[in-house]
Amino acid sequence: MAEPNLFHSLDSLDDLEAALSHSEQEPVLVYKHSRTCFTSYRARQEMLTMNEPGDPPIYEVVVQQARRVSNEVAQRLGVRHQSPQLILVHHRQPLFDTSHSWIKAERIRRQLTEDPSE
């Protein structure tokens, strides 16, 4: 069965800028993924469940393919790099970040309902 086209690729700094611009209109998720890590594989499987109405768009950077973009995410958002890592961004600001086995769809949805900037 084919994987749904749920992720927007962050392959360049222009892609990152587009994602941050999108965050000015609505919350977005920035997901850092490693293709060589089983924990990252499991986190990505969890991210695939983020396809319900109201779930934010997901922008994915594969760290092995776009190291510069991954580093720029950490620098611009002021969030220490980890992989796998998920960052909830709204108005170009990180509202929440988590990594590894803490990446859970329900946890993310809970953060969205508790967001004081809404």
C-alpha atoms as a PDB file:
ATOM      1  CA  MET A   1       0.000   0.000   0.000  1.00  0.00           C
ATOM      2  CA  ALA A   2       1.348   3.388  -0.974  1.00  0.00           C
ATOM      3  CA  GLU A   3       2.180   5.968   1.667  1.00  0.00           C
ATOM      4  CA  PRO A   4      -0.050   9.045   1.569  1.00  0.00           C
ATOM      5  CA  ASN A   5       1.567  12.239   0.277  1.00  0.00           C
ATOM      6  CA  LEU A   6       1.420  13.901   3.675  1.00  0.00           C
ATOM      7  CA  PHE A   7       4.840  15.529   3.885  1.00  0.00           C
ATOM      8  CA  HIS A   8       6.085  18.710   2.228  1.00  0.00           C
ATOM      9  CA  SER A   9       9.815  18.314   1.534  1.00  0.00           C
ATOM     10  CA  LEU A  10      12.312  20.750   2.998  1.00  0.00           C
ATOM     11  CA  ASP A  11      15.195  20.326   0.569  1.00  0.00           C
ATOM     12  CA  SER A  12      16.434  23.905   0.364  1.00  0.00           C
ATOM     13  CA  LEU A  13      16.598  27.107   2.367  1.00  0.00           C
ATOM     14  CA  ASP A  14      13.862  28.479   0.089  1.00  0.00           C
ATOM     15  CA  ASP A  15      11.646  25.546   1.132  1.00  0.00           C
ATOM     16  CA  LEU A  16      12.341  26.361   4.784  1.00  0.00           C
ATOM     17  CA  GLU A  17      11.450  30.014   4.219  1.00  0.00           C
ATOM     18  CA  ALA A  18       8.184  28.934   2.567  1.00  0.00           C
ATOM     19  CA  ALA A  19       7.356  26.727   5.565  1.00  0.00           C
ATOM     20  CA  LEU A  20       8.076  29.553   8.009  1.00  0.00           C
ATOM     21  CA  SER A  21       5.979  31.924   5.908  1.00  0.00           C
ATOM     22  CA  HIS A  22       3.152  29.378   5.999  1.00  0.00           C
ATOM     23  CA  SER A  23       3.441  29.348   9.807  1.00  0.00           C
ATOM     24  CA  GLU A  24       2.349  32.998   9.816  1.00  0.00           C
ATOM     25  CA  GLN A  25      -1.099  31.848   8.626  1.00  0.00           C
ATOM     26  CA  GLU A  26      -1.491  28.642  10.655  1.00  0.00           C
ATOM     27  CA  PRO A  27       0.592  26.313  12.824  1.00  0.00           C
ATOM     28  CA  VAL A  28       2.900  23.970  10.919  1.00  0.00           C
ATOM     29  CA  LEU A  29       5.023  21.006  11.947  1.00  0.00           C
ATOM     30  CA  VAL A  30       8.700  20.738  11.044  1.00  0.00           C
ATOM     31  CA  TYR A  31       9.811  17.126  11.234  1.00  0.00           C
ATOM     32  CA  LYS A  32      13.495  16.130  11.082  1.00  0.00           C
ATOM     33  CA  HIS A  33      13.921  12.567   9.881  1.00  0.00           C
ATOM     34  CA  SER A  34      16.884  10.215   9.607  1.00  0.00           C
ATOM     35  CA  ARG A  35      16.603   7.408   7.088  1.00  0.00           C
ATOM     36  CA  THR A  36      19.173   5.319   8.957  1.00  0.00           C
ATOM     37  CA  CYS A  37      17.537   5.311  12.399  1.00  0.00           C
ATOM     38  CA  PHE A  38      14.843   2.890  13.538  1.00  0.00           C
ATOM     39  CA  THR A  39      13.542   5.363  16.130  1.00  0.00           C
ATOM     40  CA  SER A  40      13.141   7.894  13.341  1.00  0.00           C
ATOM     41  CA  TYR A  41      11.290   5.302  11.263  1.00  0.00           C
ATOM     42  CA  ARG A  42       8.843   4.723  14.128  1.00  0.00           C
ATOM     43  CA  ALA A  43       8.369   8.469  14.657  1.00  0.00           C
ATOM     44  CA  ARG A  44       7.640   8.877  10.947  1.00  0.00           C
ATOM     45  CA  GLN A  45       5.036   6.114  11.143  1.00  0.00           C
ATOM     46  CA  GLU A  46       3.415   8.113  13.950  1.00  0.00           C
ATOM     47  CA  MET A  47       3.527  11.262  11.821  1.00  0.00           C
ATOM     48  CA  LEU A  48       1.634   9.417   9.089  1.00  0.00           C
ATOM     49  CA  THR A  49      -1.373   9.394  11.432  1.00  0.00           C
ATOM     50  CA  MET A  50      -1.416  13.216  11.407  1.00  0.00           C
ATOM     51  CA  ASN A  51      -3.897  13.300   8.538  1.00  0.00           C
ATOM     52  CA  GLU A  52      -7.143  14.158  10.319  1.00  0.00           C
ATOM     53  CA  PRO A  53      -9.103  17.339   9.584  1.00  0.00           C
ATOM     54  CA  GLY A  54      -7.496  20.198  11.484  1.00  0.00           C
ATOM     55  CA  ASP A  55      -4.059  18.587  11.676  1.00  0.00           C
ATOM     56  CA  PRO A  56      -1.319  21.015  10.637  1.00  0.00           C
ATOM     57  CA  PRO A  57       0.783  20.596   7.512  1.00  0.00           C
ATOM     58  CA  ILE A  58       4.027  18.680   7.987  1.00  0.00           C
ATOM     59  CA  TYR A  59       7.302  19.890   6.522  1.00  0.00           C
ATOM     60  CA  GLU A  60       9.947  17.170   6.514  1.00  0.00           C
ATOM     61  CA  VAL A  61      13.701  17.538   6.289  1.00  0.00           C
ATOM     62  CA  VAL A  62      15.694  14.354   5.751  1.00  0.00           C
ATOM     63  CA  VAL A  63      18.881  15.141   7.622  1.00  0.00           C
ATOM     64  CA  GLN A  64      21.155  13.016   5.419  1.00  0.00           C
ATOM     65  CA  GLN A  65      19.948  14.813   2.286  1.00  0.00           C
ATOM     66  CA  ALA A  66      19.578  18.364   3.563  1.00  0.00           C
ATOM     67  CA  ARG A  67      22.028  18.873   6.420  1.00  0.00           C
ATOM     68  CA  ARG A  68      22.248  22.602   5.725  1.00  0.00           C
ATOM     69  CA  VAL A  69      18.461  22.954   6.007  1.00  0.00           C
ATOM     70  CA  SER A  70      18.440  20.895   9.202  1.00  0.00           C
ATOM     71  CA  ASN A  71      21.108  23.133  10.734  1.00  0.00           C
ATOM     72  CA  GLU A  72      19.240  26.256   9.629  1.00  0.00           C
ATOM     73  CA  VAL A  73      16.045  25.000  11.314  1.00  0.00           C
ATOM     74  CA  ALA A  74      17.955  24.732  14.589  1.00  0.00           C
ATOM     75  CA  GLN A  75      19.503  28.176  14.166  1.00  0.00           C
ATOM     76  CA  ARG A  76      16.397  30.087  13.068  1.00  0.00           C
ATOM     77  CA  LEU A  77      14.090  28.506  15.617  1.00  0.00           C
ATOM     78  CA  GLY A  78      16.614  28.369  18.447  1.00  0.00           C
ATOM     79  CA  VAL A  79      15.920  24.682  19.046  1.00  0.00           C
ATOM     80  CA  ARG A  80      18.822  22.284  19.610  1.00  0.00           C
ATOM     81  CA  HIS A  81      19.100  19.762  16.762  1.00  0.00           C
ATOM     82  CA  GLN A  82      17.895  16.239  17.368  1.00  0.00           C
ATOM     83  CA  SER A  83      16.765  13.483  15.050  1.00  0.00           C
ATOM     84  CA  PRO A  84      14.059  12.479  14.904  1.00  0.00           C
ATOM     85  CA  GLN A  85      12.619  15.781  16.027  1.00  0.00           C
ATOM     86  CA  LEU A  86       9.287  17.527  15.692  1.00  0.00           C
ATOM     87  CA  ILE A  87       8.796  21.274  16.109  1.00  0.00           C
ATOM     88  CA  LEU A  88       5.412  22.984  16.189  1.00  0.00           C
ATOM     89  CA  VAL A  89       5.843  26.441  14.635  1.00  0.00           C
ATOM     90  CA  HIS A  90       3.382  29.330  14.569  1.00  0.00           C
ATOM     91  CA  HIS A  91       4.175  32.897  13.534  1.00  0.00           C
ATOM     92  CA  ARG A  92       7.766  31.761  12.873  1.00  0.00           C
ATOM     93  CA  GLN A  93       8.194  30.818  16.536  1.00  0.00           C
ATOM     94  CA  PRO A  94       8.623  27.351  18.035  1.00  0.00           C
ATOM     95  CA  LEU A  95       5.706  26.624  20.347  1.00  0.00           C
ATOM     96  CA  PHE A  96       6.676  23.079  21.204  1.00  0.00           C
ATOM     97  CA  ASP A  97       9.360  20.589  20.293  1.00  0.00           C
ATOM     98  CA  THR A  98       9.881  16.955  21.047  1.00  0.00           C
ATOM     99  CA  SER A  99      12.057  14.132  19.825  1.00  0.00           C
ATOM    100  CA  HIS A 100      12.593  10.417  19.604  1.00  0.00           C
ATOM    101  CA  SER A 101       9.920   8.216  21.190  1.00  0.00           C
ATOM    102  CA  TRP A 102       8.068  11.290  22.512  1.00  0.00           C
ATOM    103  CA  ILE A 103       6.809  12.077  19.003  1.00  0.00           C
ATOM    104  CA  LYS A 104       3.131  11.077  19.273  1.00  0.00           C
ATOM    105  CA  ALA A 105       0.171  12.386  17.250  1.00  0.00           C
ATOM    106  CA  GLU A 106      -2.114  12.775  20.269  1.00  0.00           C
ATOM    107  CA  ARG A 107       0.558  14.701  22.158  1.00  0.00           C
ATOM    108  CA  ILE A 108       0.914  17.077  19.200  1.00  0.00           C
ATOM    109  CA  ARG A 109      -2.847  17.549  18.920  1.00  0.00           C
ATOM    110  CA  ARG A 110      -3.005  18.331  22.636  1.00  0.00           C
ATOM    111  CA  GLN A 111      -0.351  21.037  22.155  1.00  0.00           C
ATOM    112  CA  LEU A 112      -2.415  22.549  19.345  1.00  0.00           C
ATOM    113  CA  THR A 113      -5.477  22.891  21.582  1.00  0.00           C
ATOM    114  CA  GLU A 114      -3.380  24.408  24.384  1.00  0.00           C
ATOM    115  CA  ASP A 115      -1.650  26.972  22.140  1.00  0.00           C
ATOM    116  CA  PRO A 116      -2.110  30.378  23.823  1.00  0.00           C
ATOM    117  CA  SER A 117      -1.281  32.293  20.621  1.00  0.00           C
ATOM    118  CA  GLU A 118      -4.435  31.125  18.856  1.00  0.00           C
END
